[in-house]
Amino acid sequence: MKNLKEGKLGESMEQLKLFSNGGNYIYWFLYIEDEPILKSLKNHSDFEKTMQKIKDKFWAKHERIKEALVDEGLI
C-alpha cells in the first residue's frame, strides 16, 4: 500500500496481481476493494480482473472445504 500512497499505481497493481497468485485469502479481503485507499487503483485496467481472480479462488476454496465437511458428515 505504500506505493499506492505515493501515487505509484502501476507498482501497486503489480503487487495486487502477485497477491492474486496466492490462494490463502481470508474472507475480509473480499471487501478490500471498497477501501478508500484503493479508489485510485480501481481505475487501472487490470483492477477488476485481478479482484475477480481473488474472489473466484476464495469461493472455489470455500466450496472445496464445504464439500469436505459434508463428506465427513460435519455439516
PDB file of N, CA and C in Angstrom:
ATOM      1  N   MET A   1       0.815  -1.196   0.000  1.00  0.00           N
ATOM      2  CA  MET A   1       0.000   0.000   0.000  1.00  0.00           C
ATOM      3  C   MET A   1       0.857   1.257   0.000  1.00  0.00           C
ATOM      4  N   LYS A   2       2.118   1.116   0.431  1.00  0.00           N
ATOM      5  CA  LYS A   2       2.999   2.280   0.442  1.00  0.00           C
ATOM      6  C   LYS A   2       3.102   2.878  -0.958  1.00  0.00           C
ATOM      7  N   ASN A   3       3.264   2.023  -1.978  1.00  0.00           N
ATOM      8  CA  ASN A   3       3.361   2.505  -3.350  1.00  0.00           C
ATOM      9  C   ASN A   3       2.116   3.269  -3.760  1.00  0.00           C
ATOM     10  N   LEU A   4       0.953   2.780  -3.334  1.00  0.00           N
ATOM     11  CA  LEU A   4      -0.301   3.436  -3.689  1.00  0.00           C
ATOM     12  C   LEU A   4      -0.382   4.810  -3.042  1.00  0.00           C
ATOM     13  N   LYS A   5       0.046   4.913  -1.803  1.00  0.00           N
ATOM     14  CA  LYS A   5       0.045   6.205  -1.109  1.00  0.00           C
ATOM     15  C   LYS A   5       0.957   7.196  -1.818  1.00  0.00           C
ATOM     16  N   GLU A   6       2.011   6.677  -2.437  1.00  0.00           N
ATOM     17  CA  GLU A   6       2.959   7.535  -3.133  1.00  0.00           C
ATOM     18  C   GLU A   6       2.544   7.804  -4.574  1.00  0.00           C
ATOM     19  N   GLY A   7       1.384   7.294  -4.980  1.00  0.00           N
ATOM     20  CA  GLY A   7       0.889   7.543  -6.329  1.00  0.00           C
ATOM     21  C   GLY A   7       1.467   6.619  -7.386  1.00  0.00           C
ATOM     22  N   LYS A   8       2.060   5.533  -6.986  1.00  0.00           N
ATOM     23  CA  LYS A   8       2.665   4.592  -7.936  1.00  0.00           C
ATOM     24  C   LYS A   8       1.654   3.501  -8.259  1.00  0.00           C
ATOM     25  N   LEU A   9       0.684   3.843  -9.096  1.00  0.00           N
ATOM     26  CA  LEU A   9      -0.412   2.924  -9.390  1.00  0.00           C
ATOM     27  C   LEU A   9       0.050   1.654 -10.083  1.00  0.00           C
ATOM     28  N   GLY A  10       0.963   1.772 -11.021  1.00  0.00           N
ATOM     29  CA  GLY A  10       1.451   0.602 -11.746  1.00  0.00           C
ATOM     30  C   GLY A  10       2.113  -0.397 -10.812  1.00  0.00           C
ATOM     31  N   GLU A  11       2.960   0.087  -9.919  1.00  0.00           N
ATOM     32  CA  GLU A  11       3.635  -0.798  -8.969  1.00  0.00           C
ATOM     33  C   GLU A  11       2.629  -1.415  -7.996  1.00  0.00           C
ATOM     34  N   SER A  12       1.660  -0.635  -7.589  1.00  0.00           N
ATOM     35  CA  SER A  12       0.630  -1.138  -6.679  1.00  0.00           C
ATOM     36  C   SER A  12      -0.195  -2.225  -7.349  1.00  0.00           C
ATOM     37  N   MET A  13      -0.519  -2.038  -8.613  1.00  0.00           N
ATOM     38  CA  MET A  13      -1.298  -3.034  -9.336  1.00  0.00           C
ATOM     39  C   MET A  13      -0.490  -4.314  -9.474  1.00  0.00           C
ATOM     40  N   GLU A  14       0.796  -4.198  -9.729  1.00  0.00           N
ATOM     41  CA  GLU A  14       1.651  -5.384  -9.835  1.00  0.00           C
ATOM     42  C   GLU A  14       1.673  -6.151  -8.516  1.00  0.00           C
ATOM     43  N   GLN A  15       1.698  -5.443  -7.410  1.00  0.00           N
ATOM     44  CA  GLN A  15       1.666  -6.104  -6.103  1.00  0.00           C
ATOM     45  C   GLN A  15       0.338  -6.831  -5.888  1.00  0.00           C
ATOM     46  N   LEU A  16      -0.762  -6.211  -6.302  1.00  0.00           N
ATOM     47  CA  LEU A  16      -2.065  -6.853  -6.174  1.00  0.00           C
ATOM     48  C   LEU A  16      -2.133  -8.105  -7.053  1.00  0.00           C
ATOM     49  N   LYS A  17      -1.553  -8.029  -8.240  1.00  0.00           N
ATOM     50  CA  LYS A  17      -1.517  -9.194  -9.128  1.00  0.00           C
ATOM     51  C   LYS A  17      -0.706 -10.324  -8.509  1.00  0.00           C
ATOM     52  N   LEU A  18       0.432 -10.001  -7.920  1.00  0.00           N
ATOM     53  CA  LEU A  18       1.240 -11.023  -7.249  1.00  0.00           C
ATOM     54  C   LEU A  18       0.450 -11.660  -6.117  1.00  0.00           C
ATOM     55  N   PHE A  19      -0.251 -10.844  -5.355  1.00  0.00           N
ATOM     56  CA  PHE A  19      -1.079 -11.344  -4.267  1.00  0.00           C
ATOM     57  C   PHE A  19      -2.161 -12.275  -4.799  1.00  0.00           C
ATOM     58  N   SER A  20      -2.724 -11.935  -5.957  1.00  0.00           N
ATOM     59  CA  SER A  20      -3.801 -12.744  -6.523  1.00  0.00           C
ATOM     60  C   SER A  20      -3.330 -14.136  -6.942  1.00  0.00           C
ATOM     61  N   ASN A  21      -2.025 -14.302  -7.104  1.00  0.00           N
ATOM     62  CA  ASN A  21      -1.481 -15.609  -7.473  1.00  0.00           C
ATOM     63  C   ASN A  21      -1.441 -16.570  -6.299  1.00  0.00           C
ATOM     64  N   GLY A  22      -1.623 -16.042  -5.106  1.00  0.00           N
ATOM     65  CA  GLY A  22      -1.679 -16.889  -3.913  1.00  0.00           C
ATOM     66  C   GLY A  22      -3.009 -17.608  -3.873  1.00  0.00           C
ATOM     67  N   GLY A  23      -3.395 -18.028  -2.718  1.00  0.00           N
ATOM     68  CA  GLY A  23      -4.673 -18.719  -2.642  1.00  0.00           C
ATOM     69  C   GLY A  23      -5.176 -18.887  -1.229  1.00  0.00           C
ATOM     70  N   ASN A  24      -4.533 -18.261  -0.297  1.00  0.00           N
ATOM     71  CA  ASN A  24      -4.920 -18.437   1.085  1.00  0.00           C
ATOM     72  C   ASN A  24      -5.543 -17.137   1.598  1.00  0.00           C
ATOM     73  N   TYR A  25      -6.649 -16.748   0.979  1.00  0.00           N
ATOM     74  CA  TYR A  25      -7.286 -15.489   1.315  1.00  0.00           C
ATOM     75  C   TYR A  25      -8.269 -15.682   2.451  1.00  0.00           C
ATOM     76  N   ILE A  26      -8.364 -14.697   3.302  1.00  0.00           N
ATOM     77  CA  ILE A  26      -9.383 -14.725   4.342  1.00  0.00           C
ATOM     78  C   ILE A  26     -10.542 -13.847   3.890  1.00  0.00           C
ATOM     79  N   TYR A  27     -11.711 -14.130   4.428  1.00  0.00           N
ATOM     80  CA  TYR A  27     -12.938 -13.536   3.899  1.00  0.00           C
ATOM     81  C   TYR A  27     -12.928 -12.015   3.834  1.00  0.00           C
ATOM     82  N   TRP A  28     -12.290 -11.352   4.784  1.00  0.00           N
ATOM     83  CA  TRP A  28     -12.367  -9.892   4.796  1.00  0.00           C
ATOM     84  C   TRP A  28     -11.701  -9.271   3.576  1.00  0.00           C
ATOM     85  N   PHE A  29     -10.808 -10.016   2.923  1.00  0.00           N
ATOM     86  CA  PHE A  29     -10.144  -9.438   1.745  1.00  0.00           C
ATOM     87  C   PHE A  29     -11.133  -9.193   0.616  1.00  0.00           C
ATOM     88  N   LEU A  30     -12.248  -9.900   0.628  1.00  0.00           N
ATOM     89  CA  LEU A  30     -13.264  -9.689  -0.406  1.00  0.00           C
ATOM     90  C   LEU A  30     -13.839  -8.285  -0.345  1.00  0.00           C
ATOM     91  N   TYR A  31     -13.699  -7.636   0.786  1.00  0.00           N
ATOM     92  CA  TYR A  31     -14.245  -6.284   0.963  1.00  0.00           C
ATOM     93  C   TYR A  31     -13.221  -5.176   0.732  1.00  0.00           C
ATOM     94  N   ILE A  32     -11.981  -5.531   0.472  1.00  0.00           N
ATOM     95  CA  ILE A  32     -10.928  -4.531   0.370  1.00  0.00           C
ATOM     96  C   ILE A  32     -11.125  -3.574  -0.805  1.00  0.00           C
ATOM     97  N   GLU A  33     -11.801  -4.044  -1.843  1.00  0.00           N
ATOM     98  CA  GLU A  33     -11.974  -3.162  -2.998  1.00  0.00           C
ATOM     99  C   GLU A  33     -12.829  -1.939  -2.664  1.00  0.00           C
ATOM    100  N   ASP A  34     -13.535  -1.974  -1.542  1.00  0.00           N
ATOM    101  CA  ASP A  34     -14.331  -0.829  -1.122  1.00  0.00           C
ATOM    102  C   ASP A  34     -13.560   0.144  -0.242  1.00  0.00           C
ATOM    103  N   GLU A  35     -12.306  -0.171   0.050  1.00  0.00           N
ATOM    104  CA  GLU A  35     -11.491   0.705   0.887  1.00  0.00           C
ATOM    105  C   GLU A  35     -11.148   1.997   0.134  1.00  0.00           C
ATOM    106  N   PRO A  36     -11.279   3.129   0.788  1.00  0.00           N
ATOM    107  CA  PRO A  36     -10.982   4.413   0.131  1.00  0.00           C
ATOM    108  C   PRO A  36      -9.565   4.505  -0.428  1.00  0.00           C
ATOM    109  N   ILE A  37      -8.610   3.862   0.207  1.00  0.00           N
ATOM    110  CA  ILE A  37      -7.229   3.954  -0.278  1.00  0.00           C
ATOM    111  C   ILE A  37      -7.068   3.331  -1.664  1.00  0.00           C
ATOM    112  N   LEU A  38      -7.963   2.426  -2.036  1.00  0.00           N
ATOM    113  CA  LEU A  38      -7.873   1.778  -3.341  1.00  0.00           C
ATOM    114  C   LEU A  38      -8.656   2.512  -4.431  1.00  0.00           C
ATOM    115  N   LYS A  39      -9.270   3.609  -4.080  1.00  0.00           N
ATOM    116  CA  LYS A  39     -10.099   4.338  -5.044  1.00  0.00           C
ATOM    117  C   LYS A  39      -9.342   4.634  -6.346  1.00  0.00           C
ATOM    118  N   SER A  40      -8.130   5.101  -6.240  1.00  0.00           N
ATOM    119  CA  SER A  40      -7.366   5.436  -7.448  1.00  0.00           C
ATOM    120  C   SER A  40      -6.962   4.178  -8.218  1.00  0.00           C
ATOM    121  N   LEU A  41      -6.754   3.075  -7.526  1.00  0.00           N
ATOM    122  CA  LEU A  41      -6.348   1.842  -8.192  1.00  0.00           C
ATOM    123  C   LEU A  41      -7.500   1.217  -8.973  1.00  0.00           C
ATOM    124  N   LYS A  42      -8.729   1.513  -8.576  1.00  0.00           N
ATOM    125  CA  LYS A  42      -9.896   0.962  -9.267  1.00  0.00           C
ATOM    126  C   LYS A  42      -9.953   1.377 -10.732  1.00  0.00           C
ATOM    127  N   ASN A  43      -9.319   2.472 -11.072  1.00  0.00           N
ATOM    128  CA  ASN A  43      -9.326   2.953 -12.451  1.00  0.00           C
ATOM    129  C   ASN A  43      -8.319   2.215 -13.333  1.00  0.00           C
ATOM    130  N   HIS A  44      -7.461   1.416 -12.730  1.00  0.00           N
ATOM    131  CA  HIS A  44      -6.468   0.671 -13.508  1.00  0.00           C
ATOM    132  C   HIS A  44      -7.186  -0.403 -14.322  1.00  0.00           C
ATOM    133  N   SER A  45      -6.750  -0.617 -15.525  1.00  0.00           N
ATOM    134  CA  SER A  45      -7.429  -1.552 -16.431  1.00  0.00           C
ATOM    135  C   SER A  45      -7.432  -2.997 -15.925  1.00  0.00           C
ATOM    136  N   ASP A  46      -6.500  -3.369 -15.081  1.00  0.00           N
ATOM    137  CA  ASP A  46      -6.421  -4.740 -14.575  1.00  0.00           C
ATOM    138  C   ASP A  46      -7.082  -4.947 -13.221  1.00  0.00           C
ATOM    139  N   PHE A  47      -7.590  -3.888 -12.613  1.00  0.00           N
ATOM    140  CA  PHE A  47      -8.106  -3.995 -11.249  1.00  0.00           C
ATOM    141  C   PHE A  47      -9.267  -4.975 -11.139  1.00  0.00           C
ATOM    142  N   GLU A  48     -10.290  -4.807 -11.950  1.00  0.00           N
ATOM    143  CA  GLU A  48     -11.478  -5.662 -11.854  1.00  0.00           C
ATOM    144  C   GLU A  48     -11.133  -7.125 -12.111  1.00  0.00           C
ATOM    145  N   LYS A  49     -10.322  -7.366 -13.120  1.00  0.00           N
ATOM    146  CA  LYS A  49      -9.936  -8.740 -13.458  1.00  0.00           C
ATOM    147  C   LYS A  49      -9.148  -9.376 -12.313  1.00  0.00           C
ATOM    148  N   THR A  50      -8.261  -8.629 -11.710  1.00  0.00           N
ATOM    149  CA  THR A  50      -7.450  -9.149 -10.617  1.00  0.00           C
ATOM    150  C   THR A  50      -8.301  -9.417  -9.383  1.00  0.00           C
ATOM    151  N   MET A  51      -9.201  -8.504  -9.059  1.00  0.00           N
ATOM    152  CA  MET A  51     -10.085  -8.715  -7.907  1.00  0.00           C
ATOM    153  C   MET A  51     -11.003  -9.907  -8.151  1.00  0.00           C
ATOM    154  N   GLN A  52     -11.462 -10.088  -9.373  1.00  0.00           N
ATOM    155  CA  GLN A  52     -12.325 -11.228  -9.676  1.00  0.00           C
ATOM    156  C   GLN A  52     -11.560 -12.540  -9.519  1.00  0.00           C
ATOM    157  N   LYS A  53     -10.302 -12.539  -9.904  1.00  0.00           N
ATOM    158  CA  LYS A  53      -9.457 -13.725  -9.739  1.00  0.00           C
ATOM    159  C   LYS A  53      -9.360 -14.094  -8.259  1.00  0.00           C
ATOM    160  N   ILE A  54      -9.149 -13.093  -7.416  1.00  0.00           N
ATOM    161  CA  ILE A  54      -9.067 -13.329  -5.977  1.00  0.00           C
ATOM    162  C   ILE A  54     -10.387 -13.887  -5.458  1.00  0.00           C
ATOM    163  N   LYS A  55     -11.486 -13.294  -5.864  1.00  0.00           N
ATOM    164  CA  LYS A  55     -12.811 -13.751  -5.417  1.00  0.00           C
ATOM    165  C   LYS A  55     -13.082 -15.177  -5.886  1.00  0.00           C
ATOM    166  N   ASP A  56     -12.777 -15.455  -7.138  1.00  0.00           N
ATOM    167  CA  ASP A  56     -13.025 -16.793  -7.676  1.00  0.00           C
ATOM    168  C   ASP A  56     -12.229 -17.849  -6.914  1.00  0.00           C
ATOM    169  N   LYS A  57     -10.971 -17.554  -6.623  1.00  0.00           N
ATOM    170  CA  LYS A  57     -10.149 -18.504  -5.881  1.00  0.00           C
ATOM    171  C   LYS A  57     -10.680 -18.692  -4.462  1.00  0.00           C
ATOM    172  N   PHE A  58     -11.090 -17.596  -3.832  1.00  0.00           N
ATOM    173  CA  PHE A  58     -11.634 -17.694  -2.481  1.00  0.00           C
ATOM    174  C   PHE A  58     -12.863 -18.587  -2.456  1.00  0.00           C
ATOM    175  N   TRP A  59     -13.817 -18.333  -3.364  1.00  0.00           N
ATOM    176  CA  TRP A  59     -15.064 -19.094  -3.355  1.00  0.00           C
ATOM    177  C   TRP A  59     -14.871 -20.548  -3.778  1.00  0.00           C
ATOM    178  N   ALA A  60     -13.900 -20.817  -4.652  1.00  0.00           N
ATOM    179  CA  ALA A  60     -13.602 -22.196  -5.030  1.00  0.00           C
ATOM    180  C   ALA A  60     -13.060 -22.966  -3.822  1.00  0.00           C
ATOM    181  N   LYS A  61     -12.177 -22.324  -3.070  1.00  0.00           N
ATOM    182  CA  LYS A  61     -11.646 -22.968  -1.868  1.00  0.00           C
ATOM    183  C   LYS A  61     -12.754 -23.158  -0.843  1.00  0.00           C
ATOM    184  N   HIS A  62     -13.603 -22.165  -0.700  1.00  0.00           N
ATOM    185  CA  HIS A  62     -14.747 -22.255   0.219  1.00  0.00           C
ATOM    186  C   HIS A  62     -15.610 -23.469  -0.133  1.00  0.00           C
ATOM    187  N   GLU A  63     -15.859 -23.659  -1.408  1.00  0.00           N
ATOM    188  CA  GLU A  63     -16.696 -24.777  -1.856  1.00  0.00           C
ATOM    189  C   GLU A  63     -16.011 -26.118  -1.586  1.00  0.00           C
ATOM    190  N   ARG A  64     -14.696 -26.188  -1.810  1.00  0.00           N
ATOM    191  CA  ARG A  64     -13.963 -27.429  -1.524  1.00  0.00           C
ATOM    192  C   ARG A  64     -14.021 -27.780  -0.038  1.00  0.00           C
ATOM    193  N   ILE A  65     -13.873 -26.774   0.802  1.00  0.00           N
ATOM    194  CA  ILE A  65     -13.951 -27.005   2.247  1.00  0.00           C
ATOM    195  C   ILE A  65     -15.348 -27.464   2.635  1.00  0.00           C
ATOM    196  N   LYS A  66     -16.360 -26.814   2.073  1.00  0.00           N
ATOM    197  CA  LYS A  66     -17.740 -27.193   2.368  1.00  0.00           C
ATOM    198  C   LYS A  66     -18.004 -28.646   1.961  1.00  0.00           C
ATOM    199  N   GLU A  67     -17.562 -29.024   0.770  1.00  0.00           N
ATOM    200  CA  GLU A  67     -17.751 -30.395   0.297  1.00  0.00           C
ATOM    201  C   GLU A  67     -17.052 -31.399   1.216  1.00  0.00           C
ATOM    202  N   ALA A  68     -15.861 -31.059   1.670  1.00  0.00           N
ATOM    203  CA  ALA A  68     -15.134 -31.951   2.569  1.00  0.00           C
ATOM    204  C   ALA A  68     -15.878 -32.103   3.893  1.00  0.00           C
ATOM    205  N   LEU A  69     -16.435 -31.018   4.393  1.00  0.00           N
ATOM    206  CA  LEU A  69     -17.191 -31.082   5.639  1.00  0.00           C
ATOM    207  C   LEU A  69     -18.468 -31.901   5.491  1.00  0.00           C
ATOM    208  N   VAL A  70     -19.114 -31.763   4.337  1.00  0.00           N
ATOM    209  CA  VAL A  70     -20.309 -32.563   4.052  1.00  0.00           C
ATOM    210  C   VAL A  70     -19.935 -34.040   3.964  1.00  0.00           C
ATOM    211  N   ASP A  71     -18.858 -34.341   3.242  1.00  0.00           N
ATOM    212  CA  ASP A  71     -18.407 -35.732   3.098  1.00  0.00           C
ATOM    213  C   ASP A  71     -18.097 -36.375   4.446  1.00  0.00           C
ATOM    214  N   GLU A  72     -17.588 -35.569   5.362  1.00  0.00           N
ATOM    215  CA  GLU A  72     -17.253 -36.079   6.698  1.00  0.00           C
ATOM    216  C   GLU A  72     -18.467 -36.101   7.632  1.00  0.00           C
ATOM    217  N   GLY A  73     -19.606 -35.611   7.135  1.00  0.00           N
ATOM    218  CA  GLY A  73     -20.812 -35.589   7.953  1.00  0.00           C
ATOM    219  C   GLY A  73     -20.779 -34.516   9.035  1.00  0.00           C
ATOM    220  N   LEU A  74     -19.948 -33.523   8.834  1.00  0.00           N
ATOM    221  CA  LEU A  74     -19.821 -32.470   9.849  1.00  0.00           C
ATOM    222  C   LEU A  74     -20.820 -31.333   9.643  1.00  0.00           C
ATOM    223  N   ILE A  75     -21.334 -31.231   8.436  1.00  0.00           N
ATOM    224  CA  ILE A  75     -22.412 -30.259   8.184  1.00  0.00           C
ATOM    225  C   ILE A  75     -23.453 -30.894   7.290  1.00  0.00           C
TER     226      ILE A  75
END
